Amino acid sequence: MLKLFKLFNNKRLFILLIALVMFIVVMGFSLGTRKSLSWPENFLRDTTGFVQNLFYKPAGYVAGLFQDIGNLHEMAEENERLKILAAQYAREKTQYNFIKAQYDQYQIDLKFTNAQKNLYNYDYRIANVVSLTTEPSNNTLVIDLGAKDGIKLNMSVTSVEGLVGVISQVSNFTSTVKLMTMMDVNDPNSQPPIAATVFNKEGKTFGMIESYDQQSGMLMMNKIPVGDPIAVKDKIISSGIGGVYPRGMIIGTVESIKVGEYGLTSTAIIKPAAGFQDWKELFVVFTQERAE
């Protein structure tokens, strides 16, 4: 009994004993079958939940902020990659359009040359246009074929649509083409007149294309004899007489016909087939005689 009182007089040991007893009581109470939590447990849980919520929300906001910054960085990198891809696509699209345009033009050229070869035994050399002069007194262009390519004076130059002009000057690597828009019967420096006829009326129709009207943009086909069956909308081609212009070169279409001053001949107004546009490439016509 005396030892028990001494034990109670030891405060530390007494407090430890009381805490151990309470721990055993609480453990027994907690492990027992219960339908609800005690108020200390509810208080402890609510307090813990409040403290956790108090620290969790700011931490979530901070974590979300860093995540958003990371997402913005990834979006910026992806946007930069998309810009590079878009620029690359634009370059490749431009290259594709350029190659396709060249391919389409080559197909047209091939169709034209094959069709001409089926009609006449001519050789056509493709020439790129180097420069174009549109002065009224000097309407010419320069092509990238010259004497080294077999080009000679007065060779005919045509486009897919029709006759363009003749070679007027030749150097080793380039040649000058005098356009049909320079034809003038009163100009001694003009290219030779074209002996012409009507397609599908060869041998029945004849005339000389000698001049070009700068105001109307039409060619004048003169010296058409009386009774000639030429008519409006007929297709005019070169007859080959004279040996300068090969036979069968398309020149244009008849727009109108008027009787000459004395009624002995007629004049046909011809709309050029070539149109005299800003060409990129043309054809130089090689006949067997010219090749020799």
Protein backbone atom coordinates (compact mmCIF):
# COMPACT_ATOMS: atom_id res chain seq x y z
CA MET A 1 0.00 0.00 0.00
CA LEU A 2 2.87 2.27 0.84
CA LYS A 3 4.39 1.54 -2.57
CA LEU A 4 1.12 2.47 -4.26
CA PHE A 5 1.07 5.89 -2.55
CA LYS A 6 4.65 6.43 -3.56
CA LEU A 7 3.70 5.61 -7.07
CA PHE A 8 0.94 8.26 -7.05
CA ASN A 9 3.38 10.75 -5.60
CA ASN A 10 5.52 10.34 -8.78
CA LYS A 11 3.70 12.77 -11.11
CA ARG A 12 5.37 11.70 -14.34
CA LEU A 13 4.69 8.06 -13.76
CA PHE A 14 1.14 8.86 -12.72
CA ILE A 15 0.43 10.86 -15.89
CA LEU A 16 1.92 8.12 -18.03
CA LEU A 17 -0.27 5.56 -16.31
CA ILE A 18 -3.41 7.65 -16.80
CA ALA A 19 -2.56 8.18 -20.51
CA LEU A 20 -1.99 4.45 -20.99
CA VAL A 21 -5.35 3.67 -19.40
CA MET A 22 -7.10 6.25 -21.58
CA PHE A 23 -5.36 4.88 -24.67
CA ILE A 24 -6.53 1.37 -23.86
CA VAL A 25 -10.08 2.64 -23.23
CA VAL A 26 -10.12 4.58 -26.50
CA MET A 27 -8.71 1.63 -28.43
CA GLY A 28 -11.30 -0.63 -26.99
CA PHE A 29 -14.01 1.87 -27.74
CA SER A 30 -12.81 2.36 -31.32
CA LEU A 31 -12.49 -1.33 -32.07
CA GLY A 32 -15.92 -2.06 -30.83
CA THR A 33 -19.02 -2.24 -33.00
CA ARG A 34 -20.48 1.28 -33.42
CA LYS A 35 -23.04 2.94 -35.60
CA SER A 36 -21.56 6.45 -35.43
CA LEU A 37 -18.39 8.27 -34.51
CA SER A 38 -17.90 9.88 -31.17
CA TRP A 39 -17.80 13.63 -30.89
CA PRO A 40 -14.00 13.73 -30.38
CA GLU A 41 -13.57 11.72 -33.55
CA ASN A 42 -15.97 13.96 -35.44
CA PHE A 43 -14.18 17.02 -34.11
CA LEU A 44 -10.79 15.63 -35.07
CA ARG A 45 -11.95 14.63 -38.55
CA ASP A 46 -13.61 17.98 -39.23
CA THR A 47 -10.58 19.86 -37.97
CA THR A 48 -8.24 17.76 -40.10
CA GLY A 49 -10.46 18.18 -43.18
CA PHE A 50 -10.65 21.94 -42.72
CA VAL A 51 -6.90 22.25 -42.35
CA GLN A 52 -6.33 20.00 -45.40
CA ASN A 53 -8.81 21.99 -47.48
CA LEU A 54 -7.19 25.23 -46.32
CA PHE A 55 -3.81 24.14 -47.67
CA TYR A 56 -5.03 22.01 -50.62
CA LYS A 57 -6.84 24.73 -52.59
CA PRO A 58 -3.88 27.19 -52.75
CA ALA A 59 -1.56 24.32 -53.57
CA GLY A 60 -3.97 23.24 -56.34
CA TYR A 61 -4.11 26.78 -57.70
CA VAL A 62 -0.30 27.01 -57.76
CA ALA A 63 0.02 23.59 -59.39
CA GLY A 64 -2.63 24.55 -61.95
CA LEU A 65 -0.81 27.81 -62.68
CA PHE A 66 2.44 25.99 -63.42
CA GLN A 67 0.53 23.47 -65.54
CA ASP A 68 -1.10 26.28 -67.53
CA ILE A 69 2.29 27.93 -68.06
CA GLY A 70 3.64 24.60 -69.32
CA ASN A 71 0.63 24.23 -71.65
CA LEU A 72 1.18 27.75 -73.01
CA HIS A 73 4.81 26.91 -73.72
CA GLU A 74 3.80 23.73 -75.55
CA MET A 75 1.15 25.68 -77.51
CA ALA A 76 3.76 28.28 -78.51
CA GLU A 77 6.12 25.55 -79.74
CA GLU A 78 3.29 23.84 -81.63
CA ASN A 79 2.23 27.17 -83.15
CA GLU A 80 5.82 27.75 -84.33
CA ARG A 81 5.91 24.29 -85.90
CA LEU A 82 2.60 24.98 -87.64
CA LYS A 83 3.94 28.27 -89.01
CA ILE A 84 6.97 26.47 -90.44
CA LEU A 85 4.75 23.78 -91.97
CA ALA A 86 2.44 26.44 -93.45
CA ALA A 87 5.38 28.29 -95.01
CA GLN A 88 6.76 25.02 -96.38
CA TYR A 89 3.34 24.12 -97.80
CA ALA A 90 3.08 27.53 -99.49
CA ARG A 91 6.51 27.08 -101.12
CA GLU A 92 5.71 23.55 -102.25
CA LYS A 93 2.30 24.66 -103.55
CA THR A 94 3.95 27.43 -105.59
CA GLN A 95 6.51 24.98 -106.99
CA TYR A 96 3.74 22.52 -107.80
CA ASN A 97 1.69 25.17 -109.61
CA PHE A 98 4.77 26.26 -111.58
CA ILE A 99 5.67 22.69 -112.57
CA LYS A 100 2.04 21.89 -113.43
CA ALA A 101 1.77 25.03 -115.60
CA GLN A 102 4.96 24.01 -117.41
CA TYR A 103 3.67 20.47 -117.85
CA ASP A 104 0.33 21.70 -119.23
CA GLN A 105 2.14 24.04 -121.63
CA TYR A 106 4.42 21.24 -122.81
CA GLN A 107 1.38 19.06 -123.43
CA ILE A 108 -0.12 21.83 -125.57
CA ASP A 109 3.17 22.28 -127.41
CA LEU A 110 3.47 18.54 -128.05
CA LYS A 111 -0.09 18.35 -129.33
CA PHE A 112 0.52 21.33 -131.61
CA THR A 113 3.80 20.06 -133.07
CA ASN A 114 2.44 16.55 -133.60
CA ALA A 115 -0.62 17.93 -135.37
CA GLN A 116 1.56 20.12 -137.61
CA LYS A 117 3.90 17.26 -138.44
CA ASN A 118 0.91 15.18 -139.52
CA LEU A 119 -0.02 17.95 -141.98
CA TYR A 120 3.40 19.13 -143.15
CA ASN A 121 6.93 17.79 -142.96
CA TYR A 122 8.19 20.62 -140.75
CA ASP A 123 10.41 20.63 -137.68
CA TYR A 124 9.56 22.93 -134.79
CA ARG A 125 12.17 24.15 -132.30
CA ILE A 126 10.90 25.58 -129.01
CA ALA A 127 12.44 28.98 -128.22
CA ASN A 128 12.15 30.90 -124.96
CA VAL A 129 11.41 34.61 -125.25
CA VAL A 130 14.28 36.59 -123.72
CA SER A 131 12.93 40.12 -124.16
CA LEU A 132 10.13 42.03 -125.84
CA THR A 133 10.13 45.53 -127.35
CA THR A 134 6.74 47.15 -127.88
CA GLU A 135 7.78 50.48 -129.37
CA PRO A 136 5.56 51.44 -132.35
CA SER A 137 8.59 51.72 -134.65
CA ASN A 138 10.36 48.63 -133.33
CA ASN A 139 7.92 45.90 -132.37
CA THR A 140 10.29 42.97 -131.92
CA LEU A 141 11.26 40.25 -129.48
CA VAL A 142 14.41 38.24 -128.80
CA ILE A 143 14.54 34.45 -128.47
CA ASP A 144 17.25 32.20 -127.02
CA LEU A 145 18.04 30.35 -130.29
CA GLY A 146 20.74 31.58 -132.64
CA ALA A 147 23.07 30.59 -135.45
CA LYS A 148 24.53 27.74 -133.38
CA ASP A 149 21.01 26.23 -133.36
CA GLY A 150 20.62 26.58 -137.12
CA ILE A 151 18.51 29.74 -137.08
CA LYS A 152 18.56 31.74 -140.32
CA LEU A 153 17.07 35.01 -141.57
CA ASN A 154 13.38 35.08 -142.54
CA MET A 155 12.55 31.83 -140.76
CA SER A 156 8.94 31.86 -139.60
CA VAL A 157 8.13 32.06 -135.92
CA THR A 158 4.76 30.89 -134.64
CA SER A 159 2.87 30.33 -131.42
CA VAL A 160 0.32 27.61 -130.74
CA GLU A 161 -2.39 30.02 -131.91
CA GLY A 162 -0.82 31.28 -135.12
CA LEU A 163 1.99 33.02 -137.03
CA VAL A 164 3.91 35.61 -135.00
CA GLY A 165 6.61 36.96 -137.34
CA VAL A 166 9.96 36.23 -138.98
CA ILE A 167 13.58 36.14 -137.91
CA SER A 168 15.11 39.53 -138.76
CA GLN A 169 18.51 39.31 -137.04
CA VAL A 170 20.65 36.36 -135.99
CA SER A 171 23.59 36.15 -133.58
CA ASN A 172 25.35 33.07 -132.27
CA PHE A 173 23.09 32.53 -129.27
CA THR A 174 20.00 34.71 -129.82
CA SER A 175 17.77 35.93 -132.64
CA THR A 176 15.46 38.89 -133.16
CA VAL A 177 11.91 38.29 -134.33
CA LYS A 178 10.11 41.06 -136.20
CA LEU A 179 6.42 40.75 -135.40
CA MET A 180 3.63 40.83 -137.96
CA THR A 181 2.43 44.02 -136.28
CA MET A 182 5.36 45.72 -138.08
CA MET A 183 4.09 44.84 -141.55
CA ASP A 184 3.76 47.94 -143.69
CA VAL A 185 3.52 47.91 -147.49
CA ASN A 186 5.08 51.39 -147.60
CA ASP A 187 8.06 50.49 -145.37
CA PRO A 188 11.04 48.99 -147.27
CA ASN A 189 12.36 47.56 -143.98
CA SER A 190 9.17 45.65 -143.31
CA GLN A 191 9.17 41.87 -143.51
CA PRO A 192 8.08 40.33 -146.82
CA PRO A 193 4.32 40.14 -147.51
CA ILE A 194 2.59 36.81 -146.93
CA ALA A 195 1.04 34.93 -149.83
CA ALA A 196 -2.18 33.66 -148.24
CA THR A 197 -5.15 31.44 -148.98
CA VAL A 198 -8.19 30.02 -147.19
CA PHE A 199 -8.07 26.75 -145.32
CA ASN A 200 -10.02 24.07 -147.27
CA LYS A 201 -10.19 26.47 -150.26
CA GLU A 202 -6.57 26.18 -151.33
CA GLY A 203 -6.22 26.76 -155.08
CA LYS A 204 -9.48 28.72 -155.15
CA THR A 205 -8.56 31.70 -152.99
CA PHE A 206 -5.49 33.91 -153.06
CA GLY A 207 -4.35 37.24 -151.64
CA MET A 208 -1.33 39.07 -150.19
CA ILE A 209 -1.13 40.10 -146.53
CA GLU A 210 0.95 43.27 -146.76
CA SER A 211 0.16 45.50 -143.80
CA TYR A 212 -1.08 45.71 -140.23
CA ASP A 213 -3.44 48.44 -139.01
CA GLN A 214 -2.13 49.68 -135.67
CA GLN A 215 -5.44 51.31 -134.71
CA SER A 216 -7.77 48.40 -135.44
CA GLY A 217 -5.23 45.64 -134.71
CA MET A 218 -6.12 43.91 -137.99
CA LEU A 219 -4.12 42.54 -140.91
CA MET A 220 -4.94 43.63 -144.46
CA MET A 221 -5.17 40.92 -147.14
CA ASN A 222 -5.03 42.73 -150.48
CA LYS A 223 -5.11 41.80 -154.18
CA ILE A 224 -7.94 39.32 -153.83
CA PRO A 225 -9.25 38.76 -157.38
CA VAL A 226 -12.87 39.28 -158.40
CA GLY A 227 -15.04 36.19 -157.87
CA ASP A 228 -12.76 34.78 -155.18
CA PRO A 229 -14.84 32.55 -152.84
CA ILE A 230 -13.30 34.04 -149.67
CA ALA A 231 -15.93 34.71 -147.01
CA VAL A 232 -16.30 36.09 -143.50
CA LYS A 233 -15.08 33.69 -140.74
CA ASP A 234 -12.81 31.83 -143.17
CA LYS A 235 -9.49 30.71 -141.68
CA ILE A 236 -6.54 32.30 -143.47
CA ILE A 237 -3.29 30.35 -143.84
CA SER A 238 -0.05 30.88 -145.70
CA SER A 239 -0.03 29.38 -149.20
CA GLY A 240 3.73 28.73 -149.33
CA ILE A 241 4.15 30.68 -152.59
CA GLY A 242 7.34 32.71 -152.59
CA GLY A 243 9.24 30.33 -150.33
CA VAL A 244 9.56 32.71 -147.36
CA TYR A 245 6.62 31.55 -145.27
CA PRO A 246 5.99 27.77 -145.09
CA ARG A 247 2.69 26.49 -146.37
CA GLY A 248 -0.13 26.05 -143.87
CA MET A 249 0.89 28.60 -141.20
CA ILE A 250 -2.28 29.82 -139.46
CA ILE A 251 -2.61 33.60 -139.80
CA GLY A 252 -6.10 34.58 -138.69
CA THR A 253 -9.82 34.78 -139.41
CA VAL A 254 -11.69 36.96 -141.93
CA GLU A 255 -13.65 39.69 -140.15
CA SER A 256 -14.96 41.56 -143.20
CA ILE A 257 -14.39 42.02 -146.93
CA LYS A 258 -14.48 45.26 -148.89
CA VAL A 259 -14.18 45.93 -152.61
CA GLY A 260 -11.09 47.78 -153.82
CA GLU A 261 -11.03 51.32 -155.19
CA TYR A 262 -11.50 50.33 -158.85
CA GLY A 263 -13.55 47.22 -158.23
CA LEU A 264 -10.92 44.94 -159.69
CA THR A 265 -9.76 43.41 -156.40
CA SER A 266 -11.01 43.09 -152.85
CA THR A 267 -9.43 43.52 -149.41
CA ALA A 268 -10.11 41.21 -146.49
CA ILE A 269 -9.78 42.39 -142.90
CA ILE A 270 -8.04 39.61 -140.96
CA LYS A 271 -8.09 39.22 -137.17
CA PRO A 272 -4.68 37.75 -136.22
CA ALA A 273 -4.84 34.35 -134.57
CA ALA A 274 -1.69 34.95 -132.51
CA GLY A 275 -3.07 37.89 -130.56
CA PHE A 276 0.48 39.31 -130.05
CA GLN A 277 0.54 38.70 -126.32
CA ASP A 278 3.34 38.49 -123.76
CA TRP A 279 4.68 35.11 -124.86
CA LYS A 280 7.03 32.98 -122.78
CA GLU A 281 7.90 30.56 -125.56
CA LEU A 282 7.46 30.32 -129.33
CA PHE A 283 8.32 27.92 -132.19
CA VAL A 284 10.81 28.46 -134.99
CA VAL A 285 9.72 26.58 -138.11
CA PHE A 286 12.39 24.53 -139.86
CA THR A 287 11.47 23.40 -143.37
CA GLN A 288 13.64 21.08 -145.43
CA GLU A 289 14.75 23.98 -147.62
CA ARG A 290 15.57 26.16 -144.61
CA ALA A 291 17.48 23.36 -142.88
CA GLU A 292 19.74 23.13 -145.91
